Amino acid sequence: MDGRRRNPYELTEDTPVYVISVAAQLSGLHPQTLRQYDRLGLVSPDRTAGRGRRYSARDIELLRQVQQLSQDEGINLAGIKRIIELENQVAALQARLAEMQDALDGAATAMRQREAAVHASYRRDLVPYQEVQQTSALVVWRPKRQQAD
């Protein structure tokens, strides 16, 4: 959710509003078929306090998909249930991937900002460059000794 309060009367595709007879008409299925799909766990609508089924627009679309897979593709109900489970799993993984991508993008931005701050703190003195010739000479460095005052 985006942090704003939703209007309690606003309908979304997940709002359970259709009774079983209307859901059956909208999906083109018999109400008994909807009850069987609910028992099998293919399409599980929300329930009212009195245990009546309430279907959402998303449930109606899923009922149509089950019907299409069963009638047009010849897939049995167990296969359809597995397909639905896998589709739900893929959707959940895609949502998680999007969350992780957002977190990664945020971390990369923060890293670039910290890196820019470090680069901005560098001294900008000029350092003369001299080409170094390859030799086998050994140079010994001895620091100057400070004289005692």
N, C-alpha and C. Protein backbone atom coordinates (compact mmCIF):
# COMPACT_ATOMS: atom_id res chain seq x y z
N MET A 1 0.84 -1.16 0.00
CA MET A 1 0.00 0.00 0.00
C MET A 1 0.89 1.23 0.00
N ASP A 2 0.38 2.38 -0.47
CA ASP A 2 1.21 3.55 -0.64
C ASP A 2 1.17 4.50 0.55
N GLY A 3 0.65 4.12 1.68
CA GLY A 3 0.70 4.94 2.87
C GLY A 3 -0.53 5.82 3.05
N ARG A 4 -1.28 6.05 1.99
CA ARG A 4 -2.50 6.85 2.12
C ARG A 4 -3.64 5.97 2.61
N ARG A 5 -4.54 6.58 3.33
CA ARG A 5 -5.72 5.82 3.78
C ARG A 5 -6.67 5.65 2.62
N ARG A 6 -7.17 4.47 2.49
CA ARG A 6 -8.12 4.19 1.42
C ARG A 6 -9.53 4.51 1.89
N ASN A 7 -10.33 4.89 0.92
CA ASN A 7 -11.75 5.11 1.19
C ASN A 7 -12.36 3.74 1.49
N PRO A 8 -13.03 3.57 2.64
CA PRO A 8 -13.58 2.25 2.97
C PRO A 8 -14.65 1.78 1.99
N TYR A 9 -15.19 2.71 1.19
CA TYR A 9 -16.24 2.35 0.24
C TYR A 9 -15.69 2.17 -1.18
N GLU A 10 -14.38 2.33 -1.32
CA GLU A 10 -13.75 2.17 -2.62
C GLU A 10 -13.66 0.69 -2.96
N LEU A 11 -14.10 0.35 -4.17
CA LEU A 11 -14.06 -1.04 -4.61
C LEU A 11 -12.80 -1.27 -5.43
N THR A 12 -12.13 -2.37 -5.14
CA THR A 12 -10.97 -2.78 -5.90
C THR A 12 -11.27 -4.15 -6.51
N GLU A 13 -10.32 -4.67 -7.28
CA GLU A 13 -10.55 -5.98 -7.86
C GLU A 13 -10.51 -7.09 -6.82
N ASP A 14 -10.05 -6.78 -5.61
CA ASP A 14 -10.01 -7.76 -4.53
C ASP A 14 -11.18 -7.63 -3.56
N THR A 15 -12.05 -6.66 -3.78
CA THR A 15 -13.18 -6.45 -2.87
C THR A 15 -14.22 -7.55 -3.09
N PRO A 16 -14.53 -8.32 -2.06
CA PRO A 16 -15.52 -9.40 -2.20
C PRO A 16 -16.94 -8.84 -2.16
N VAL A 17 -17.59 -8.78 -3.32
CA VAL A 17 -18.93 -8.19 -3.38
C VAL A 17 -19.98 -9.08 -4.01
N TYR A 18 -19.58 -10.08 -4.78
CA TYR A 18 -20.54 -10.88 -5.53
C TYR A 18 -20.97 -12.12 -4.78
N VAL A 19 -22.27 -12.31 -4.65
CA VAL A 19 -22.80 -13.54 -4.07
C VAL A 19 -22.61 -14.65 -5.09
N ILE A 20 -22.79 -15.88 -4.67
CA ILE A 20 -22.46 -17.01 -5.52
C ILE A 20 -23.28 -17.03 -6.81
N SER A 21 -24.54 -16.65 -6.75
CA SER A 21 -25.37 -16.68 -7.97
C SER A 21 -24.87 -15.68 -9.00
N VAL A 22 -24.48 -14.48 -8.57
CA VAL A 22 -23.96 -13.47 -9.48
C VAL A 22 -22.59 -13.90 -10.01
N ALA A 23 -21.75 -14.44 -9.13
CA ALA A 23 -20.43 -14.91 -9.55
C ALA A 23 -20.58 -16.03 -10.59
N ALA A 24 -21.56 -16.90 -10.40
CA ALA A 24 -21.79 -17.98 -11.35
C ALA A 24 -22.20 -17.41 -12.71
N GLN A 25 -23.08 -16.42 -12.71
CA GLN A 25 -23.50 -15.80 -13.97
C GLN A 25 -22.32 -15.11 -14.66
N LEU A 26 -21.54 -14.35 -13.88
CA LEU A 26 -20.42 -13.61 -14.47
C LEU A 26 -19.33 -14.53 -15.01
N SER A 27 -19.15 -15.68 -14.38
CA SER A 27 -18.10 -16.61 -14.82
C SER A 27 -18.60 -17.62 -15.83
N GLY A 28 -19.91 -17.72 -15.99
CA GLY A 28 -20.48 -18.69 -16.93
C GLY A 28 -20.50 -20.10 -16.39
N LEU A 29 -20.43 -20.25 -15.08
CA LEU A 29 -20.42 -21.56 -14.45
C LEU A 29 -21.66 -21.75 -13.58
N HIS A 30 -21.94 -22.99 -13.23
CA HIS A 30 -23.06 -23.30 -12.34
C HIS A 30 -22.63 -23.04 -10.90
N PRO A 31 -23.52 -22.55 -10.05
CA PRO A 31 -23.15 -22.31 -8.64
C PRO A 31 -22.56 -23.54 -7.96
N GLN A 32 -23.04 -24.72 -8.30
CA GLN A 32 -22.50 -25.94 -7.69
C GLN A 32 -21.04 -26.15 -8.09
N THR A 33 -20.68 -25.74 -9.29
CA THR A 33 -19.30 -25.83 -9.75
C THR A 33 -18.42 -24.91 -8.91
N LEU A 34 -18.93 -23.71 -8.61
CA LEU A 34 -18.19 -22.76 -7.77
C LEU A 34 -17.98 -23.34 -6.38
N ARG A 35 -19.00 -24.01 -5.84
CA ARG A 35 -18.87 -24.63 -4.52
C ARG A 35 -17.81 -25.74 -4.55
N GLN A 36 -17.80 -26.54 -5.63
CA GLN A 36 -16.81 -27.60 -5.74
C GLN A 36 -15.40 -27.02 -5.85
N TYR A 37 -15.23 -25.97 -6.65
CA TYR A 37 -13.92 -25.32 -6.78
C TYR A 37 -13.45 -24.79 -5.43
N ASP A 38 -14.39 -24.29 -4.63
CA ASP A 38 -14.05 -23.80 -3.29
C ASP A 38 -13.60 -24.96 -2.41
N ARG A 39 -14.33 -26.07 -2.45
CA ARG A 39 -13.96 -27.25 -1.65
C ARG A 39 -12.59 -27.78 -2.04
N LEU A 40 -12.27 -27.73 -3.33
CA LEU A 40 -10.99 -28.24 -3.82
C LEU A 40 -9.85 -27.24 -3.62
N GLY A 41 -10.20 -26.02 -3.25
CA GLY A 41 -9.17 -25.00 -3.02
C GLY A 41 -8.69 -24.32 -4.29
N LEU A 42 -9.44 -24.46 -5.38
CA LEU A 42 -9.07 -23.79 -6.63
C LEU A 42 -9.34 -22.29 -6.55
N VAL A 43 -10.54 -21.95 -6.14
CA VAL A 43 -10.94 -20.55 -5.97
C VAL A 43 -11.62 -20.46 -4.62
N SER A 44 -10.99 -19.76 -3.70
CA SER A 44 -11.53 -19.66 -2.34
C SER A 44 -12.00 -18.23 -2.07
N PRO A 45 -13.30 -18.00 -2.18
CA PRO A 45 -13.82 -16.65 -1.95
C PRO A 45 -13.82 -16.30 -0.47
N ASP A 46 -13.96 -15.01 -0.18
CA ASP A 46 -14.11 -14.59 1.21
C ASP A 46 -15.46 -15.05 1.72
N ARG A 47 -15.60 -15.03 3.03
CA ARG A 47 -16.86 -15.45 3.65
C ARG A 47 -17.44 -14.31 4.47
N THR A 48 -18.76 -14.26 4.52
CA THR A 48 -19.44 -13.29 5.38
C THR A 48 -19.51 -13.88 6.79
N ALA A 49 -20.01 -13.08 7.73
CA ALA A 49 -20.17 -13.57 9.10
C ALA A 49 -21.09 -14.78 9.14
N GLY A 50 -22.06 -14.83 8.23
CA GLY A 50 -22.99 -15.97 8.16
C GLY A 50 -22.47 -17.11 7.30
N ARG A 51 -21.19 -17.09 6.93
CA ARG A 51 -20.50 -18.11 6.15
C ARG A 51 -20.88 -18.12 4.67
N GLY A 52 -21.59 -17.09 4.20
CA GLY A 52 -21.90 -17.00 2.77
C GLY A 52 -20.67 -16.61 1.98
N ARG A 53 -20.59 -17.13 0.78
CA ARG A 53 -19.43 -16.82 -0.07
C ARG A 53 -19.60 -15.45 -0.72
N ARG A 54 -18.48 -14.71 -0.80
CA ARG A 54 -18.47 -13.42 -1.50
C ARG A 54 -17.26 -13.43 -2.44
N TYR A 55 -17.53 -13.30 -3.71
CA TYR A 55 -16.49 -13.35 -4.72
C TYR A 55 -16.06 -11.94 -5.14
N SER A 56 -14.79 -11.79 -5.44
CA SER A 56 -14.25 -10.52 -5.94
C SER A 56 -14.11 -10.60 -7.46
N ALA A 57 -13.80 -9.47 -8.09
CA ALA A 57 -13.56 -9.46 -9.53
C ALA A 57 -12.36 -10.35 -9.87
N ARG A 58 -11.35 -10.37 -8.99
CA ARG A 58 -10.20 -11.25 -9.21
C ARG A 58 -10.62 -12.72 -9.14
N ASP A 59 -11.53 -13.06 -8.21
CA ASP A 59 -12.04 -14.44 -8.13
C ASP A 59 -12.79 -14.82 -9.40
N ILE A 60 -13.59 -13.88 -9.94
CA ILE A 60 -14.34 -14.16 -11.17
C ILE A 60 -13.37 -14.44 -12.32
N GLU A 61 -12.32 -13.64 -12.42
CA GLU A 61 -11.31 -13.85 -13.46
C GLU A 61 -10.63 -15.21 -13.29
N LEU A 62 -10.35 -15.58 -12.05
CA LEU A 62 -9.73 -16.88 -11.78
C LEU A 62 -10.68 -18.02 -12.14
N LEU A 63 -11.97 -17.85 -11.86
CA LEU A 63 -12.95 -18.87 -12.25
C LEU A 63 -12.96 -19.05 -13.76
N ARG A 64 -12.90 -17.94 -14.49
CA ARG A 64 -12.86 -18.02 -15.96
C ARG A 64 -11.59 -18.73 -16.43
N GLN A 65 -10.48 -18.46 -15.76
CA GLN A 65 -9.22 -19.10 -16.12
C GLN A 65 -9.29 -20.60 -15.86
N VAL A 66 -9.87 -20.99 -14.73
CA VAL A 66 -10.03 -22.42 -14.41
C VAL A 66 -10.89 -23.09 -15.47
N GLN A 67 -11.97 -22.44 -15.83
CA GLN A 67 -12.87 -22.98 -16.86
C GLN A 67 -12.14 -23.14 -18.19
N GLN A 68 -11.37 -22.13 -18.57
CA GLN A 68 -10.64 -22.17 -19.84
C GLN A 68 -9.60 -23.29 -19.84
N LEU A 69 -8.85 -23.43 -18.74
CA LEU A 69 -7.84 -24.49 -18.65
C LEU A 69 -8.49 -25.87 -18.69
N SER A 70 -9.63 -26.00 -18.03
CA SER A 70 -10.32 -27.28 -17.96
C SER A 70 -10.96 -27.65 -19.31
N GLN A 71 -11.73 -26.74 -19.86
CA GLN A 71 -12.49 -27.04 -21.07
C GLN A 71 -11.64 -26.97 -22.35
N ASP A 72 -10.87 -25.89 -22.50
CA ASP A 72 -10.15 -25.68 -23.75
C ASP A 72 -8.82 -26.40 -23.80
N GLU A 73 -8.14 -26.50 -22.66
CA GLU A 73 -6.82 -27.11 -22.64
C GLU A 73 -6.84 -28.56 -22.18
N GLY A 74 -7.97 -29.00 -21.59
CA GLY A 74 -8.10 -30.39 -21.16
C GLY A 74 -7.30 -30.73 -19.92
N ILE A 75 -6.99 -29.75 -19.09
CA ILE A 75 -6.21 -29.99 -17.88
C ILE A 75 -7.16 -30.37 -16.76
N ASN A 76 -6.78 -31.39 -15.99
CA ASN A 76 -7.65 -31.80 -14.88
C ASN A 76 -7.54 -30.80 -13.72
N LEU A 77 -8.44 -30.92 -12.76
CA LEU A 77 -8.51 -29.93 -11.67
C LEU A 77 -7.27 -29.94 -10.79
N ALA A 78 -6.67 -31.11 -10.58
CA ALA A 78 -5.43 -31.17 -9.79
C ALA A 78 -4.32 -30.41 -10.51
N GLY A 79 -4.24 -30.56 -11.83
CA GLY A 79 -3.25 -29.83 -12.61
C GLY A 79 -3.50 -28.33 -12.58
N ILE A 80 -4.77 -27.96 -12.65
CA ILE A 80 -5.13 -26.54 -12.60
C ILE A 80 -4.75 -25.95 -11.25
N LYS A 81 -5.01 -26.72 -10.18
CA LYS A 81 -4.65 -26.23 -8.84
C LYS A 81 -3.15 -26.00 -8.75
N ARG A 82 -2.36 -26.91 -9.32
CA ARG A 82 -0.89 -26.76 -9.29
C ARG A 82 -0.45 -25.56 -10.12
N ILE A 83 -1.08 -25.35 -11.26
CA ILE A 83 -0.77 -24.19 -12.10
C ILE A 83 -1.04 -22.90 -11.34
N ILE A 84 -2.18 -22.84 -10.67
CA ILE A 84 -2.55 -21.64 -9.89
C ILE A 84 -1.54 -21.42 -8.77
N GLU A 85 -1.17 -22.50 -8.08
CA GLU A 85 -0.18 -22.37 -6.99
C GLU A 85 1.15 -21.84 -7.53
N LEU A 86 1.59 -22.38 -8.66
CA LEU A 86 2.86 -21.94 -9.25
C LEU A 86 2.78 -20.49 -9.73
N GLU A 87 1.65 -20.10 -10.31
CA GLU A 87 1.49 -18.71 -10.74
C GLU A 87 1.52 -17.76 -9.54
N ASN A 88 0.89 -18.17 -8.45
CA ASN A 88 0.92 -17.35 -7.23
C ASN A 88 2.34 -17.26 -6.68
N GLN A 89 3.06 -18.37 -6.73
CA GLN A 89 4.44 -18.39 -6.25
C GLN A 89 5.32 -17.47 -7.11
N VAL A 90 5.13 -17.53 -8.41
CA VAL A 90 5.89 -16.67 -9.31
C VAL A 90 5.58 -15.20 -9.02
N ALA A 91 4.31 -14.88 -8.83
CA ALA A 91 3.92 -13.49 -8.54
C ALA A 91 4.56 -13.02 -7.23
N ALA A 92 4.57 -13.88 -6.22
CA ALA A 92 5.18 -13.52 -4.93
C ALA A 92 6.68 -13.32 -5.09
N LEU A 93 7.32 -14.18 -5.86
CA LEU A 93 8.77 -14.05 -6.08
C LEU A 93 9.09 -12.79 -6.89
N GLN A 94 8.25 -12.45 -7.85
CA GLN A 94 8.47 -11.23 -8.62
C GLN A 94 8.32 -10.00 -7.72
N ALA A 95 7.35 -10.03 -6.82
CA ALA A 95 7.17 -8.92 -5.89
C ALA A 95 8.38 -8.81 -4.97
N ARG A 96 8.87 -9.94 -4.49
CA ARG A 96 10.05 -9.94 -3.61
C ARG A 96 11.28 -9.45 -4.37
N LEU A 97 11.42 -9.87 -5.61
CA LEU A 97 12.53 -9.41 -6.44
C LEU A 97 12.48 -7.90 -6.64
N ALA A 98 11.29 -7.36 -6.86
CA ALA A 98 11.14 -5.92 -7.02
C ALA A 98 11.54 -5.19 -5.74
N GLU A 99 11.13 -5.74 -4.58
CA GLU A 99 11.51 -5.15 -3.30
C GLU A 99 13.03 -5.16 -3.13
N MET A 100 13.65 -6.29 -3.46
CA MET A 100 15.10 -6.41 -3.31
C MET A 100 15.82 -5.49 -4.29
N GLN A 101 15.28 -5.33 -5.49
CA GLN A 101 15.88 -4.43 -6.48
C GLN A 101 15.82 -2.99 -5.98
N ASP A 102 14.68 -2.62 -5.38
CA ASP A 102 14.56 -1.28 -4.81
C ASP A 102 15.57 -1.07 -3.69
N ALA A 103 15.73 -2.08 -2.84
CA ALA A 103 16.69 -1.97 -1.74
C ALA A 103 18.11 -1.87 -2.29
N LEU A 104 18.41 -2.65 -3.32
CA LEU A 104 19.73 -2.60 -3.94
C LEU A 104 19.98 -1.24 -4.57
N ASP A 105 19.00 -0.71 -5.25
CA ASP A 105 19.13 0.61 -5.86
C ASP A 105 19.38 1.67 -4.79
N GLY A 106 18.67 1.57 -3.67
CA GLY A 106 18.87 2.52 -2.57
C GLY A 106 20.27 2.41 -1.98
N ALA A 107 20.75 1.20 -1.81
CA ALA A 107 22.09 0.99 -1.27
C ALA A 107 23.15 1.50 -2.24
N ALA A 108 22.95 1.29 -3.53
CA ALA A 108 23.91 1.76 -4.53
C ALA A 108 23.95 3.29 -4.55
N THR A 109 22.79 3.91 -4.43
CA THR A 109 22.73 5.38 -4.39
C THR A 109 23.46 5.90 -3.15
N ALA A 110 23.22 5.29 -2.02
CA ALA A 110 23.88 5.71 -0.78
C ALA A 110 25.39 5.52 -0.90
N MET A 111 25.83 4.43 -1.51
CA MET A 111 27.25 4.18 -1.68
C MET A 111 27.88 5.24 -2.59
N ARG A 112 27.20 5.57 -3.69
CA ARG A 112 27.72 6.60 -4.59
C ARG A 112 27.81 7.95 -3.88
N GLN A 113 26.83 8.26 -3.03
CA GLN A 113 26.87 9.52 -2.29
C GLN A 113 28.03 9.54 -1.31
N ARG A 114 28.26 8.43 -0.61
CA ARG A 114 29.40 8.36 0.32
C ARG A 114 30.72 8.44 -0.43
N GLU A 115 30.79 7.78 -1.57
CA GLU A 115 32.00 7.83 -2.38
C GLU A 115 32.27 9.25 -2.87
N ALA A 116 31.24 9.94 -3.29
CA ALA A 116 31.39 11.32 -3.75
C ALA A 116 31.86 12.22 -2.60
N ALA A 117 31.35 11.96 -1.39
CA ALA A 117 31.77 12.75 -0.23
C ALA A 117 33.25 12.51 0.07
N VAL A 118 33.70 11.28 -0.06
CA VAL A 118 35.12 10.97 0.17
C VAL A 118 35.97 11.67 -0.89
N HIS A 119 35.57 11.58 -2.15
CA HIS A 119 36.33 12.24 -3.21
C HIS A 119 36.35 13.75 -3.02
N ALA A 120 35.27 14.32 -2.54
CA ALA A 120 35.21 15.76 -2.32
C ALA A 120 36.16 16.19 -1.20
N SER A 121 36.49 15.27 -0.31
CA SER A 121 37.37 15.61 0.81
C SER A 121 38.85 15.54 0.44
N TYR A 122 39.18 15.03 -0.74
CA TYR A 122 40.59 14.94 -1.15
C TYR A 122 41.20 16.33 -1.27
N ARG A 123 42.49 16.40 -0.95
CA ARG A 123 43.23 17.63 -1.21
C ARG A 123 43.48 17.71 -2.71
N ARG A 124 43.48 18.89 -3.23
CA ARG A 124 43.63 19.07 -4.67
C ARG A 124 45.00 19.65 -5.03
N ASP A 125 46.03 19.28 -4.28
CA ASP A 125 47.39 19.75 -4.58
C ASP A 125 47.86 19.11 -5.88
N LEU A 126 48.68 19.90 -6.61
CA LEU A 126 49.28 19.36 -7.82
C LEU A 126 50.50 18.54 -7.45
N VAL A 127 50.64 17.42 -8.06
CA VAL A 127 51.78 16.55 -7.81
C VAL A 127 52.50 16.39 -9.14
N PRO A 128 53.79 16.82 -9.20
CA PRO A 128 54.51 16.69 -10.47
C PRO A 128 54.74 15.22 -10.81
N TYR A 129 54.67 14.95 -12.06
CA TYR A 129 54.84 13.58 -12.53
C TYR A 129 56.13 13.50 -13.33
N GLN A 130 56.93 12.55 -13.00
CA GLN A 130 58.15 12.33 -13.76
C GLN A 130 58.17 10.87 -14.20
N GLU A 131 58.53 10.71 -15.43
CA GLU A 131 58.62 9.35 -15.95
C GLU A 131 59.75 8.62 -15.24
N VAL A 132 59.50 7.46 -14.77
CA VAL A 132 60.49 6.67 -14.06
C VAL A 132 61.14 5.72 -15.05
N GLN A 133 62.44 5.73 -15.04
CA GLN A 133 63.17 4.82 -15.92
C GLN A 133 63.47 3.54 -15.16
N GLN A 134 63.37 2.49 -15.86
CA GLN A 134 63.66 1.19 -15.25
C GLN A 134 65.17 1.03 -15.06
N THR A 135 65.58 0.90 -13.82
CA THR A 135 67.00 0.64 -13.53
C THR A 135 67.07 -0.40 -12.45
N SER A 136 68.26 -0.87 -12.25
CA SER A 136 68.45 -1.84 -11.18
C SER A 136 69.12 -1.20 -9.97
N ALA A 137 69.14 0.14 -9.96
CA ALA A 137 69.79 0.84 -8.85
C ALA A 137 68.95 0.70 -7.60
N LEU A 138 69.65 0.67 -6.48
CA LEU A 138 69.00 0.58 -5.18
C LEU A 138 69.12 1.94 -4.51
N VAL A 139 68.03 2.45 -4.04
CA VAL A 139 68.02 3.76 -3.37
C VAL A 139 67.72 3.52 -1.90
N VAL A 140 68.54 4.10 -1.05
CA VAL A 140 68.34 3.97 0.39
C VAL A 140 67.88 5.33 0.89
N TRP A 141 66.84 5.32 1.61
CA TRP A 141 66.31 6.57 2.15
C TRP A 141 66.64 6.65 3.62
N ARG A 142 67.21 7.76 4.02
CA ARG A 142 67.50 7.97 5.42
C ARG A 142 66.84 9.26 5.81
N PRO A 143 65.97 9.22 6.76
CA PRO A 143 65.29 10.45 7.16
C PRO A 143 66.27 11.40 7.83
N LYS A 144 66.00 12.68 7.69
CA LYS A 144 66.83 13.68 8.37
C LYS A 144 66.62 13.55 9.84
N ARG A 145 67.71 13.68 10.54
CA ARG A 145 67.58 13.63 11.99
C ARG A 145 67.33 15.03 12.48
N GLN A 146 66.39 15.13 13.38
CA GLN A 146 66.11 16.46 13.93
C GLN A 146 67.18 16.78 14.96
N GLN A 147 67.67 17.98 14.88
CA GLN A 147 68.70 18.39 15.82
C GLN A 147 68.06 18.82 17.13
N ALA A 148 68.71 18.45 18.22
CA ALA A 148 68.18 18.80 19.53
C ALA A 148 68.39 20.29 19.76
N ASP A 149 67.40 21.00 20.20
CA ASP A 149 67.52 22.45 20.45
C ASP A 149 68.08 22.74 21.79
